[in-house]
Structure formats: C-alpha cells, structure tokens
C-alpha cells in the first residue's frame, strides 16, 4: 500500500471532523441543535472511511495469499499493509467513539 491509498480514507476522516466543527460554529451563531445531530453524521462518514480501510486491508491480504500460492515469500502475520494504515484505523475508531458521544450528549453542552 502506498500513500495514495491512504489519501481517500484520510480525506473522509477529515471531512467527518469538518462536519462537526461547522455544525458547532453554526450552533454558536444561530442557537440551533445542529451540533448533537452532527455526531450521527460523523459516525456515518467514519463508517465509510472504515469500509475503505477494510477494503485496502483485504486487498493486501489477498496479495499476500497470491504470493504464497505462487511459491513466493509472503507475510501472513502482518495485519496492516503499512504503519500509517493502522494509525488511520485507530483514528477511525476514535472518530466513531467521539461521534457517538456528540450524538448522545452534544445537546447537554448548551443547556
């Protein structure tokens, strides 16, 4: 996996945070309830990024199995294609946690 394969999930994870930050700003300016609703959008967007990351991980493992089938040396113990891929998956899990907390308790900040 190269850096270009990390670009799409990275941009999607950043967009999840942008949705939350924009909704927080709008709630501060207009006193509506967008912030707590943005948590659900953060979770939804992050699930899309997780699917991209899982697809990349599956492709990596498929390549390793093809190498093994061809009699070449393959690394079947490695979980993530690159170190940064593992970090992105951790960030995605963190986003889901934060998004769920915002979704459930975001409205309590303004009471």
PDB file of N, CA and C in Angstrom:
ATOM      1  N   UNK A   1       0.835  -1.180   0.000  1.00  0.00           N
ATOM      2  CA  UNK A   1       0.000   0.000   0.000  1.00  0.00           C
ATOM      3  C   UNK A   1       0.878   1.242   0.000  1.00  0.00           C
ATOM      4  N   UNK A   2       0.545   2.184  -0.821  1.00  0.00           N
ATOM      5  CA  UNK A   2       1.309   3.426  -0.860  1.00  0.00           C
ATOM      6  C   UNK A   2       0.483   4.577  -0.292  1.00  0.00           C
ATOM      7  N   UNK A   3       1.075   5.750  -0.308  1.00  0.00           N
ATOM      8  CA  UNK A   3       0.413   6.905   0.297  1.00  0.00           C
ATOM      9  C   UNK A   3      -0.881   7.266  -0.405  1.00  0.00           C
ATOM     10  N   UNK A   4      -0.982   7.034  -1.697  1.00  0.00           N
ATOM     11  CA  UNK A   4      -2.199   7.392  -2.413  1.00  0.00           C
ATOM     12  C   UNK A   4      -3.380   6.555  -1.938  1.00  0.00           C
ATOM     13  N   UNK A   5      -3.135   5.344  -1.490  1.00  0.00           N
ATOM     14  CA  UNK A   5      -4.222   4.524  -0.969  1.00  0.00           C
ATOM     15  C   UNK A   5      -4.709   5.024   0.383  1.00  0.00           C
ATOM     16  N   UNK A   6      -3.870   5.775   1.091  1.00  0.00           N
ATOM     17  CA  UNK A   6      -4.258   6.346   2.371  1.00  0.00           C
ATOM     18  C   UNK A   6      -4.962   7.680   2.205  1.00  0.00           C
ATOM     19  N   UNK A   7      -4.854   8.290   1.037  1.00  0.00           N
ATOM     20  CA  UNK A   7      -5.371   9.632   0.848  1.00  0.00           C
ATOM     21  C   UNK A   7      -6.888   9.702   0.973  1.00  0.00           C
ATOM     22  N   UNK A   8      -7.607   8.835   0.291  1.00  0.00           N
ATOM     23  CA  UNK A   8      -9.070   8.879   0.338  1.00  0.00           C
ATOM     24  C   UNK A   8      -9.608   8.698   1.761  1.00  0.00           C
ATOM     25  N   UNK A   9      -9.217   7.631   2.482  1.00  0.00           N
ATOM     26  CA  UNK A   9      -9.736   7.494   3.847  1.00  0.00           C
ATOM     27  C   UNK A   9      -9.342   8.664   4.748  1.00  0.00           C
ATOM     28  N   UNK A  10      -8.150   9.221   4.531  1.00  0.00           N
ATOM     29  CA  UNK A  10      -7.719  10.368   5.330  1.00  0.00           C
ATOM     30  C   UNK A  10      -8.621  11.566   5.082  1.00  0.00           C
ATOM     31  N   UNK A  11      -8.922  11.823   3.828  1.00  0.00           N
ATOM     32  CA  UNK A  11      -9.806  12.946   3.495  1.00  0.00           C
ATOM     33  C   UNK A  11     -11.220  12.730   4.047  1.00  0.00           C
ATOM     34  N   UNK A  12     -11.681  11.501   4.008  1.00  0.00           N
ATOM     35  CA  UNK A  12     -13.017  11.208   4.537  1.00  0.00           C
ATOM     36  C   UNK A  12     -13.038  11.413   6.054  1.00  0.00           C
ATOM     37  N   UNK A  13     -11.989  10.977   6.750  1.00  0.00           N
ATOM     38  CA  UNK A  13     -11.920  11.176   8.194  1.00  0.00           C
ATOM     39  C   UNK A  13     -11.844  12.661   8.545  1.00  0.00           C
ATOM     40  N   UNK A  14     -11.113  13.425   7.763  1.00  0.00           N
ATOM     41  CA  UNK A  14     -11.043  14.874   7.991  1.00  0.00           C
ATOM     42  C   UNK A  14     -12.404  15.520   7.744  1.00  0.00           C
ATOM     43  N   UNK A  15     -13.103  15.064   6.719  1.00  0.00           N
ATOM     44  CA  UNK A  15     -14.426  15.631   6.428  1.00  0.00           C
ATOM     45  C   UNK A  15     -15.409  15.353   7.566  1.00  0.00           C
ATOM     46  N   UNK A  16     -15.248  14.238   8.253  1.00  0.00           N
ATOM     47  CA  UNK A  16     -16.117  13.954   9.401  1.00  0.00           C
ATOM     48  C   UNK A  16     -15.934  15.016  10.479  1.00  0.00           C
ATOM     49  N   UNK A  17     -14.679  15.405  10.711  1.00  0.00           N
ATOM     50  CA  UNK A  17     -14.403  16.455  11.700  1.00  0.00           C
ATOM     51  C   UNK A  17     -14.890  17.809  11.211  1.00  0.00           C
ATOM     52  N   UNK A  18     -14.792  18.068   9.914  1.00  0.00           N
ATOM     53  CA  UNK A  18     -15.271  19.338   9.372  1.00  0.00           C
ATOM     54  C   UNK A  18     -16.775  19.495   9.577  1.00  0.00           C
ATOM     55  N   UNK A  19     -17.520  18.417   9.389  1.00  0.00           N
ATOM     56  CA  UNK A  19     -18.967  18.469   9.610  1.00  0.00           C
ATOM     57  C   UNK A  19     -19.262  18.870  11.054  1.00  0.00           C
ATOM     58  N   UNK A  20     -18.547  18.270  11.990  1.00  0.00           N
ATOM     59  CA  UNK A  20     -18.763  18.575  13.408  1.00  0.00           C
ATOM     60  C   UNK A  20     -18.378  20.024  13.715  1.00  0.00           C
ATOM     61  N   UNK A  21     -17.237  20.461  13.222  1.00  0.00           N
ATOM     62  CA  UNK A  21     -16.780  21.824  13.509  1.00  0.00           C
ATOM     63  C   UNK A  21     -17.693  22.878  12.898  1.00  0.00           C
ATOM     64  N   UNK A  22     -18.141  22.650  11.670  1.00  0.00           N
ATOM     65  CA  UNK A  22     -19.061  23.597  11.029  1.00  0.00           C
ATOM     66  C   UNK A  22     -20.389  23.628  11.779  1.00  0.00           C
ATOM     67  N   UNK A  23     -20.902  22.493  12.171  1.00  0.00           N
ATOM     68  CA  UNK A  23     -22.172  22.478  12.896  1.00  0.00           C
ATOM     69  C   UNK A  23     -22.033  23.128  14.277  1.00  0.00           C
ATOM     70  N   UNK A  24     -20.881  22.954  14.903  1.00  0.00           N
ATOM     71  CA  UNK A  24     -20.635  23.612  16.191  1.00  0.00           C
ATOM     72  C   UNK A  24     -20.628  25.132  16.005  1.00  0.00           C
ATOM     73  N   UNK A  25     -19.947  25.589  14.977  1.00  0.00           N
ATOM     74  CA  UNK A  25     -19.908  27.019  14.679  1.00  0.00           C
ATOM     75  C   UNK A  25     -21.312  27.551  14.402  1.00  0.00           C
ATOM     76  N   UNK A  26     -22.084  26.827  13.576  1.00  0.00           N
ATOM     77  CA  UNK A  26     -23.442  27.271  13.255  1.00  0.00           C
ATOM     78  C   UNK A  26     -24.334  27.280  14.489  1.00  0.00           C
ATOM     79  N   UNK A  27     -24.144  26.327  15.371  1.00  0.00           N
ATOM     80  CA  UNK A  27     -24.946  26.309  16.585  1.00  0.00           C
ATOM     81  C   UNK A  27     -24.601  27.508  17.471  1.00  0.00           C
ATOM     82  N   UNK A  28     -23.338  27.864  17.523  1.00  0.00           N
ATOM     83  CA  UNK A  28     -22.936  29.024  18.324  1.00  0.00           C
ATOM     84  C   UNK A  28     -23.516  30.316  17.735  1.00  0.00           C
ATOM     85  N   UNK A  29     -23.598  30.408  16.427  1.00  0.00           N
ATOM     86  CA  UNK A  29     -24.088  31.616  15.760  1.00  0.00           C
ATOM     87  C   UNK A  29     -25.607  31.695  15.712  1.00  0.00           C
ATOM     88  N   UNK A  30     -26.290  30.556  15.522  1.00  0.00           N
ATOM     89  CA  UNK A  30     -27.734  30.577  15.296  1.00  0.00           C
ATOM     90  C   UNK A  30     -28.553  29.932  16.405  1.00  0.00           C
ATOM     91  N   UNK A  31     -27.913  29.357  17.387  1.00  0.00           N
ATOM     92  CA  UNK A  31     -28.601  28.713  18.510  1.00  0.00           C
ATOM     93  C   UNK A  31     -29.584  27.636  18.034  1.00  0.00           C
ATOM     94  N   UNK A  32     -29.155  26.781  17.119  1.00  0.00           N
ATOM     95  CA  UNK A  32     -29.977  25.645  16.700  1.00  0.00           C
ATOM     96  C   UNK A  32     -29.383  24.372  17.309  1.00  0.00           C
ATOM     97  N   UNK A  33     -29.882  23.231  16.928  1.00  0.00           N
ATOM     98  CA  UNK A  33     -29.406  21.982  17.537  1.00  0.00           C
ATOM     99  C   UNK A  33     -28.608  21.129  16.551  1.00  0.00           C
ATOM    100  N   UNK A  34     -27.823  21.773  15.719  1.00  0.00           N
ATOM    101  CA  UNK A  34     -27.050  21.031  14.723  1.00  0.00           C
ATOM    102  C   UNK A  34     -25.901  20.230  15.322  1.00  0.00           C
ATOM    103  N   UNK A  35     -25.300  20.718  16.386  1.00  0.00           N
ATOM    104  CA  UNK A  35     -24.106  20.066  16.918  1.00  0.00           C
ATOM    105  C   UNK A  35     -24.370  18.624  17.320  1.00  0.00           C
ATOM    106  N   UNK A  36     -25.413  18.380  18.095  1.00  0.00           N
ATOM    107  CA  UNK A  36     -25.663  16.998  18.536  1.00  0.00           C
ATOM    108  C   UNK A  36     -26.029  16.097  17.357  1.00  0.00           C
ATOM    109  N   UNK A  37     -26.667  16.656  16.357  1.00  0.00           N
ATOM    110  CA  UNK A  37     -27.004  15.869  15.172  1.00  0.00           C
ATOM    111  C   UNK A  37     -25.761  15.566  14.333  1.00  0.00           C
ATOM    112  N   UNK A  38     -24.761  16.414  14.416  1.00  0.00           N
ATOM    113  CA  UNK A  38     -23.551  16.200  13.629  1.00  0.00           C
ATOM    114  C   UNK A  38     -22.791  14.960  14.086  1.00  0.00           C
ATOM    115  N   UNK A  39     -23.021  14.523  15.317  1.00  0.00           N
ATOM    116  CA  UNK A  39     -22.388  13.295  15.794  1.00  0.00           C
ATOM    117  C   UNK A  39     -22.795  12.100  14.955  1.00  0.00           C
ATOM    118  N   UNK A  40     -24.063  12.054  14.588  1.00  0.00           N
ATOM    119  CA  UNK A  40     -24.517  10.934  13.748  1.00  0.00           C
ATOM    120  C   UNK A  40     -23.878  10.993  12.371  1.00  0.00           C
ATOM    121  N   UNK A  41     -23.699  12.199  11.841  1.00  0.00           N
ATOM    122  CA  UNK A  41     -23.044  12.347  10.543  1.00  0.00           C
ATOM    123  C   UNK A  41     -21.573  11.958  10.643  1.00  0.00           C
ATOM    124  N   UNK A  42     -20.952  12.292  11.762  1.00  0.00           N
ATOM    125  CA  UNK A  42     -19.548  11.918  11.958  1.00  0.00           C
ATOM    126  C   UNK A  42     -19.400  10.398  11.956  1.00  0.00           C
ATOM    127  N   UNK A  43     -20.307   9.725  12.641  1.00  0.00           N
ATOM    128  CA  UNK A  43     -20.260   8.261  12.683  1.00  0.00           C
ATOM    129  C   UNK A  43     -20.487   7.691  11.285  1.00  0.00           C
ATOM    130  N   UNK A  44     -21.469   8.201  10.585  1.00  0.00           N
ATOM    131  CA  UNK A  44     -21.783   7.694   9.249  1.00  0.00           C
ATOM    132  C   UNK A  44     -20.606   7.892   8.287  1.00  0.00           C
ATOM    133  N   UNK A  45     -20.030   9.067   8.288  1.00  0.00           N
ATOM    134  CA  UNK A  45     -18.893   9.353   7.403  1.00  0.00           C
ATOM    135  C   UNK A  45     -17.695   8.477   7.771  1.00  0.00           C
ATOM    136  N   UNK A  46     -17.483   8.277   9.072  1.00  0.00           N
ATOM    137  CA  UNK A  46     -16.357   7.456   9.508  1.00  0.00           C
ATOM    138  C   UNK A  46     -16.560   5.990   9.135  1.00  0.00           C
ATOM    139  N   UNK A  47     -17.788   5.524   9.148  1.00  0.00           N
ATOM    140  CA  UNK A  47     -18.051   4.140   8.722  1.00  0.00           C
ATOM    141  C   UNK A  47     -17.671   3.969   7.255  1.00  0.00           C
ATOM    142  N   UNK A  48     -17.906   4.986   6.451  1.00  0.00           N
ATOM    143  CA  UNK A  48     -17.483   4.934   5.049  1.00  0.00           C
ATOM    144  C   UNK A  48     -15.961   4.810   4.968  1.00  0.00           C
ATOM    145  N   UNK A  49     -15.247   5.605   5.785  1.00  0.00           N
ATOM    146  CA  UNK A  49     -13.781   5.521   5.802  1.00  0.00           C
ATOM    147  C   UNK A  49     -13.317   4.149   6.274  1.00  0.00           C
ATOM    148  N   UNK A  50     -13.990   3.591   7.280  1.00  0.00           N
ATOM    149  CA  UNK A  50     -13.633   2.255   7.774  1.00  0.00           C
ATOM    150  C   UNK A  50     -13.798   1.212   6.673  1.00  0.00           C
ATOM    151  N   UNK A  51     -14.845   1.345   5.877  1.00  0.00           N
ATOM    152  CA  UNK A  51     -15.050   0.409   4.767  1.00  0.00           C
ATOM    153  C   UNK A  51     -13.913   0.512   3.762  1.00  0.00           C
ATOM    154  N   UNK A  52     -13.468   1.732   3.479  1.00  0.00           N
ATOM    155  CA  UNK A  52     -12.329   1.919   2.567  1.00  0.00           C
ATOM    156  C   UNK A  52     -11.072   1.267   3.136  1.00  0.00           C
ATOM    157  N   UNK A  53     -10.850   1.464   4.428  1.00  0.00           N
ATOM    158  CA  UNK A  53      -9.669   0.890   5.066  1.00  0.00           C
ATOM    159  C   UNK A  53      -9.733  -0.636   5.089  1.00  0.00           C
ATOM    160  N   UNK A  54     -10.897  -1.185   5.373  1.00  0.00           N
ATOM    161  CA  UNK A  54     -11.043  -2.646   5.385  1.00  0.00           C
ATOM    162  C   UNK A  54     -10.856  -3.230   3.992  1.00  0.00           C
ATOM    163  N   UNK A  55     -11.340  -2.517   2.989  1.00  0.00           N
ATOM    164  CA  UNK A  55     -11.152  -2.978   1.611  1.00  0.00           C
ATOM    165  C   UNK A  55      -9.661  -3.015   1.268  1.00  0.00           C
ATOM    166  N   UNK A  56      -8.931  -1.981   1.660  1.00  0.00           N
ATOM    167  CA  UNK A  56      -7.487  -1.947   1.419  1.00  0.00           C
ATOM    168  C   UNK A  56      -6.754  -3.044   2.152  1.00  0.00           C
ATOM    169  N   UNK A  57      -7.182  -3.302   3.390  1.00  0.00           N
ATOM    170  CA  UNK A  57      -6.550  -4.381   4.160  1.00  0.00           C
ATOM    171  C   UNK A  57      -6.848  -5.733   3.520  1.00  0.00           C
ATOM    172  N   UNK A  58      -8.065  -5.932   3.060  1.00  0.00           N
ATOM    173  CA  UNK A  58      -8.411  -7.191   2.393  1.00  0.00           C
ATOM    174  C   UNK A  58      -7.613  -7.380   1.106  1.00  0.00           C
ATOM    175  N   UNK A  59      -7.424  -6.301   0.356  1.00  0.00           N
ATOM    176  CA  UNK A  59      -6.619  -6.388  -0.872  1.00  0.00           C
ATOM    177  C   UNK A  59      -5.177  -6.770  -0.543  1.00  0.00           C
ATOM    178  N   UNK A  60      -4.645  -6.191   0.521  1.00  0.00           N
ATOM    179  CA  UNK A  60      -3.281  -6.514   0.946  1.00  0.00           C
ATOM    180  C   UNK A  60      -3.158  -8.000   1.283  1.00  0.00           C
ATOM    181  N   UNK A  61      -4.107  -8.504   2.060  1.00  0.00           N
ATOM    182  CA  UNK A  61      -4.059  -9.919   2.443  1.00  0.00           C
ATOM    183  C   UNK A  61      -4.246 -10.835   1.232  1.00  0.00           C
ATOM    184  N   UNK A  62      -5.080 -10.392   0.307  1.00  0.00           N
ATOM    185  CA  UNK A  62      -5.277 -11.171  -0.915  1.00  0.00           C
ATOM    186  C   UNK A  62      -3.967 -11.244  -1.715  1.00  0.00           C
ATOM    187  N   UNK A  63      -3.241 -10.124  -1.785  1.00  0.00           N
ATOM    188  CA  UNK A  63      -1.941 -10.114  -2.476  1.00  0.00           C
ATOM    189  C   UNK A  63      -0.959 -11.068  -1.794  1.00  0.00           C
ATOM    190  N   UNK A  64      -0.968 -11.069  -0.477  1.00  0.00           N
ATOM    191  CA  UNK A  64      -0.062 -11.957   0.255  1.00  0.00           C
ATOM    192  C   UNK A  64      -0.402 -13.429  -0.007  1.00  0.00           C
ATOM    193  N   UNK A  65      -1.676 -13.748  -0.065  1.00  0.00           N
ATOM    194  CA  UNK A  65      -2.079 -15.124  -0.355  1.00  0.00           C
ATOM    195  C   UNK A  65      -1.709 -15.530  -1.777  1.00  0.00           C
ATOM    196  N   UNK A  66      -1.800 -14.583  -2.719  1.00  0.00           N
ATOM    197  CA  UNK A  66      -1.392 -14.882  -4.094  1.00  0.00           C
ATOM    198  C   UNK A  66       0.111 -15.144  -4.168  1.00  0.00           C
ATOM    199  N   UNK A  67       0.889 -14.371  -3.409  1.00  0.00           N
ATOM    200  CA  UNK A  67       2.334 -14.605  -3.359  1.00  0.00           C
ATOM    201  C   UNK A  67       2.619 -16.001  -2.825  1.00  0.00           C
ATOM    202  N   UNK A  68       1.932 -16.357  -1.763  1.00  0.00           N
ATOM    203  CA  UNK A  68       2.135 -17.668  -1.147  1.00  0.00           C
ATOM    204  C   UNK A  68       1.766 -18.782  -2.123  1.00  0.00           C
ATOM    205  N   UNK A  69       0.663 -18.605  -2.834  1.00  0.00           N
ATOM    206  CA  UNK A  69       0.234 -19.606  -3.802  1.00  0.00           C
ATOM    207  C   UNK A  69       1.220 -19.743  -4.959  1.00  0.00           C
ATOM    208  N   UNK A  70       1.932 -18.660  -5.274  1.00  0.00           N
ATOM    209  CA  UNK A  70       2.913 -18.691  -6.353  1.00  0.00           C
ATOM    210  C   UNK A  70       4.268 -19.196  -5.869  1.00  0.00           C
ATOM    211  N   UNK A  71       4.359 -19.544  -4.593  1.00  0.00           N
ATOM    212  CA  UNK A  71       5.602 -20.072  -4.051  1.00  0.00           C
ATOM    213  C   UNK A  71       6.579 -18.995  -3.604  1.00  0.00           C
ATOM    214  N   UNK A  72       6.134 -17.762  -3.554  1.00  0.00           N
ATOM    215  CA  UNK A  72       6.988 -16.662  -3.109  1.00  0.00           C
ATOM    216  C   UNK A  72       6.814 -16.447  -1.616  1.00  0.00           C
ATOM    217  N   UNK A  73       7.739 -15.709  -1.040  1.00  0.00           N
ATOM    218  CA  UNK A  73       7.672 -15.402   0.386  1.00  0.00           C
ATOM    219  C   UNK A  73       6.543 -14.394   0.635  1.00  0.00           C
ATOM    220  N   UNK A  74       5.700 -14.701   1.605  1.00  0.00           N
ATOM    221  CA  UNK A  74       4.579 -13.830   1.952  1.00  0.00           C
ATOM    222  C   UNK A  74       4.549 -13.624   3.456  1.00  0.00           C
ATOM    223  N   UNK A  75       4.098 -12.460   3.877  1.00  0.00           N
ATOM    224  CA  UNK A  75       3.985 -12.135   5.294  1.00  0.00           C
ATOM    225  C   UNK A  75       2.521 -12.232   5.697  1.00  0.00           C
ATOM    226  N   UNK A  76       2.156 -13.349   6.293  1.00  0.00           N
ATOM    227  CA  UNK A  76       0.768 -13.561   6.696  1.00  0.00           C
ATOM    228  C   UNK A  76       0.499 -13.116   8.131  1.00  0.00           C
ATOM    229  N   UNK A  77       1.543 -12.702   8.838  1.00  0.00           N
ATOM    230  CA  UNK A  77       1.360 -12.261  10.222  1.00  0.00           C
ATOM    231  C   UNK A  77       1.057 -10.781  10.323  1.00  0.00           C
ATOM    232  N   UNK A  78       1.399 -10.026   9.315  1.00  0.00           N
ATOM    233  CA  UNK A  78       1.205  -8.584   9.327  1.00  0.00           C
ATOM    234  C   UNK A  78      -0.279  -8.266   9.120  1.00  0.00           C
ATOM    235  N   UNK A  79      -0.856  -7.476  10.012  1.00  0.00           N
ATOM    236  CA  UNK A  79      -2.278  -7.154   9.925  1.00  0.00           C
ATOM    237  C   UNK A  79      -2.536  -6.000   8.977  1.00  0.00           C
ATOM    238  N   UNK A  80      -1.781  -4.913   9.135  1.00  0.00           N
ATOM    239  CA  UNK A  80      -1.980  -3.707   8.339  1.00  0.00           C
ATOM    240  C   UNK A  80      -0.928  -3.629   7.238  1.00  0.00           C
ATOM    241  N   UNK A  81      -1.336  -3.151   6.065  1.00  0.00           N
ATOM    242  CA  UNK A  81      -0.379  -3.024   4.957  1.00  0.00           C
ATOM    243  C   UNK A  81       0.792  -2.099   5.300  1.00  0.00           C
ATOM    244  N   UNK A  82       0.522  -0.998   5.988  1.00  0.00           N
ATOM    245  CA  UNK A  82       1.562  -0.067   6.412  1.00  0.00           C
ATOM    246  C   UNK A  82       1.259   0.389   7.835  1.00  0.00           C
ATOM    247  N   UNK A  83       2.235   0.995   8.456  1.00  0.00           N
ATOM    248  CA  UNK A  83       2.030   1.513   9.816  1.00  0.00           C
ATOM    249  C   UNK A  83       0.966   2.609   9.818  1.00  0.00           C
ATOM    250  N   UNK A  84       1.005   3.465   8.807  1.00  0.00           N
ATOM    251  CA  UNK A  84       0.027   4.556   8.747  1.00  0.00           C
ATOM    252  C   UNK A  84      -1.395   4.036   8.581  1.00  0.00           C
ATOM    253  N   UNK A  85      -1.535   2.894   7.935  1.00  0.00           N
ATOM    254  CA  UNK A  85      -2.856   2.282   7.781  1.00  0.00           C
ATOM    255  C   UNK A  85      -3.427   1.903   9.150  1.00  0.00           C
ATOM    256  N   UNK A  86      -2.572   1.366   9.995  1.00  0.00           N
ATOM    257  CA  UNK A  86      -3.001   1.034  11.355  1.00  0.00           C
ATOM    258  C   UNK A  86      -3.401   2.271  12.132  1.00  0.00           C
ATOM    259  N   UNK A  87      -2.657   3.364  11.948  1.00  0.00           N
ATOM    260  CA  UNK A  87      -2.996   4.618  12.616  1.00  0.00           C
ATOM    261  C   UNK A  87      -4.342   5.146  12.126  1.00  0.00           C
ATOM    262  N   UNK A  88      -4.584   5.055  10.827  1.00  0.00           N
ATOM    263  CA  UNK A  88      -5.860   5.519  10.280  1.00  0.00           C
ATOM    264  C   UNK A  88      -7.029   4.715  10.842  1.00  0.00           C
ATOM    265  N   UNK A  89      -6.842   3.416  10.995  1.00  0.00           N
ATOM    266  CA  UNK A  89      -7.911   2.608  11.580  1.00  0.00           C
ATOM    267  C   UNK A  89      -8.163   2.995  13.029  1.00  0.00           C
ATOM    268  N   UNK A  90      -7.108   3.327  13.766  1.00  0.00           N
ATOM    269  CA  UNK A  90      -7.259   3.785  15.146  1.00  0.00           C
ATOM    270  C   UNK A  90      -7.988   5.120  15.191  1.00  0.00           C
ATOM    271  N   UNK A  91      -7.630   6.033  14.296  1.00  0.00           N
ATOM    272  CA  UNK A  91      -8.316   7.327  14.225  1.00  0.00           C
ATOM    273  C   UNK A  91      -9.788   7.128  13.888  1.00  0.00           C
ATOM    274  N   UNK A  92     -10.077   6.212  12.981  1.00  0.00           N
ATOM    275  CA  UNK A  92     -11.470   5.936  12.618  1.00  0.00           C
ATOM    276  C   UNK A  92     -12.253   5.414  13.827  1.00  0.00           C
ATOM    277  N   UNK A  93     -11.648   4.518  14.593  1.00  0.00           N
ATOM    278  CA  UNK A  93     -12.326   4.016  15.791  1.00  0.00           C
ATOM    279  C   UNK A  93     -12.561   5.147  16.793  1.00  0.00           C
ATOM    280  N   UNK A  94     -11.578   6.033  16.936  1.00  0.00           N
ATOM    281  CA  UNK A  94     -11.709   7.183  17.822  1.00  0.00           C
ATOM    282  C   UNK A  94     -12.833   8.109  17.332  1.00  0.00           C
ATOM    283  N   UNK A  95     -12.899   8.331  16.011  1.00  0.00           N
ATOM    284  CA  UNK A  95     -13.966   9.154  15.448  1.00  0.00           C
ATOM    285  C   UNK A  95     -15.340   8.586  15.750  1.00  0.00           C
ATOM    286  N   UNK A  96     -15.476   7.288  15.652  1.00  0.00           N
ATOM    287  CA  UNK A  96     -16.772   6.661  15.938  1.00  0.00           C
ATOM    288  C   UNK A  96     -17.142   6.873  17.406  1.00  0.00           C
ATOM    289  N   UNK A  97     -16.175   6.733  18.287  1.00  0.00           N
ATOM    290  CA  UNK A  97     -16.426   6.959  19.712  1.00  0.00           C
ATOM    291  C   UNK A  97     -16.825   8.413  19.975  1.00  0.00           C
ATOM    292  N   UNK A  98     -16.060   9.360  19.455  1.00  0.00           N
ATOM    293  CA  UNK A  98     -16.353  10.780  19.662  1.00  0.00           C
ATOM    294  C   UNK A  98     -17.699  11.151  19.025  1.00  0.00           C
ATOM    295  N   UNK A  99     -17.935  10.673  17.816  1.00  0.00           N
ATOM    296  CA  UNK A  99     -19.203  10.953  17.140  1.00  0.00           C
ATOM    297  C   UNK A  99     -20.395  10.432  17.917  1.00  0.00           C
ATOM    298  N   UNK A 100     -20.264   9.253  18.495  1.00  0.00           N
ATOM    299  CA  UNK A 100     -21.351   8.686  19.295  1.00  0.00           C
ATOM    300  C   UNK A 100     -21.595   9.520  20.553  1.00  0.00           C
ATOM    301  N   UNK A 101     -20.527   9.972  21.191  1.00  0.00           N
ATOM    302  CA  UNK A 101     -20.677  10.826  22.379  1.00  0.00           C
ATOM    303  C   UNK A 101     -21.327  12.169  22.023  1.00  0.00           C
ATOM    304  N   UNK A 102     -20.918  12.756  20.904  1.00  0.00           N
ATOM    305  CA  UNK A 102     -21.535  14.012  20.465  1.00  0.00           C
ATOM    306  C   UNK A 102     -23.008  13.785  20.147  1.00  0.00           C
ATOM    307  N   UNK A 103     -23.287  12.710  19.465  1.00  0.00           N
ATOM    308  CA  UNK A 103     -24.651  12.367  19.069  1.00  0.00           C
ATOM    309  C   UNK A 103     -25.532  12.197  20.302  1.00  0.00           C
ATOM    310  N   UNK A 104     -25.010  11.515  21.316  1.00  0.00           N
ATOM    311  CA  UNK A 104     -25.817  11.230  22.500  1.00  0.00           C
ATOM    312  C   UNK A 104     -25.878  12.358  23.512  1.00  0.00           C
ATOM    313  N   UNK A 105     -24.786  13.103  23.658  1.00  0.00           N
ATOM    314  CA  UNK A 105     -24.717  14.086  24.730  1.00  0.00           C
ATOM    315  C   UNK A 105     -24.403  15.498  24.257  1.00  0.00           C
ATOM    316  N   UNK A 106     -24.323  15.729  22.966  1.00  0.00           N
ATOM    317  CA  UNK A 106     -23.974  17.043  22.441  1.00  0.00           C
ATOM    318  C   UNK A 106     -24.958  18.128  22.808  1.00  0.00           C
ATOM    319  N   UNK A 107     -26.231  17.765  22.954  1.00  0.00           N
ATOM    320  CA  UNK A 107     -27.232  18.773  23.294  1.00  0.00           C
ATOM    321  C   UNK A 107     -27.110  19.236  24.749  1.00  0.00           C
ATOM    322  N   UNK A 108     -26.480  18.447  25.604  1.00  0.00           N
ATOM    323  CA  UNK A 108     -26.349  18.810  27.009  1.00  0.00           C
ATOM    324  C   UNK A 108     -25.325  19.924  27.227  1.00  0.00           C
ATOM    325  N   UNK A 109     -24.460  20.144  26.258  1.00  0.00           N
ATOM    326  CA  UNK A 109     -23.452  21.203  26.375  1.00  0.00           C
ATOM    327  C   UNK A 109     -24.127  22.565  26.436  1.00  0.00           C
ATOM    328  N   UNK A 110     -25.252  22.719  25.758  1.00  0.00           N
ATOM    329  CA  UNK A 110     -25.891  24.042  25.626  1.00  0.00           C
ATOM    330  C   UNK A 110     -27.088  24.232  26.539  1.00  0.00           C
ATOM    331  N   UNK A 111     -27.294  23.360  27.488  1.00  0.00           N
ATOM    332  CA  UNK A 111     -28.432  23.533  28.413  1.00  0.00           C
ATOM    333  C   UNK A 111     -28.043  24.329  29.621  1.00  0.00           C
TER     334      UNK A 111
END
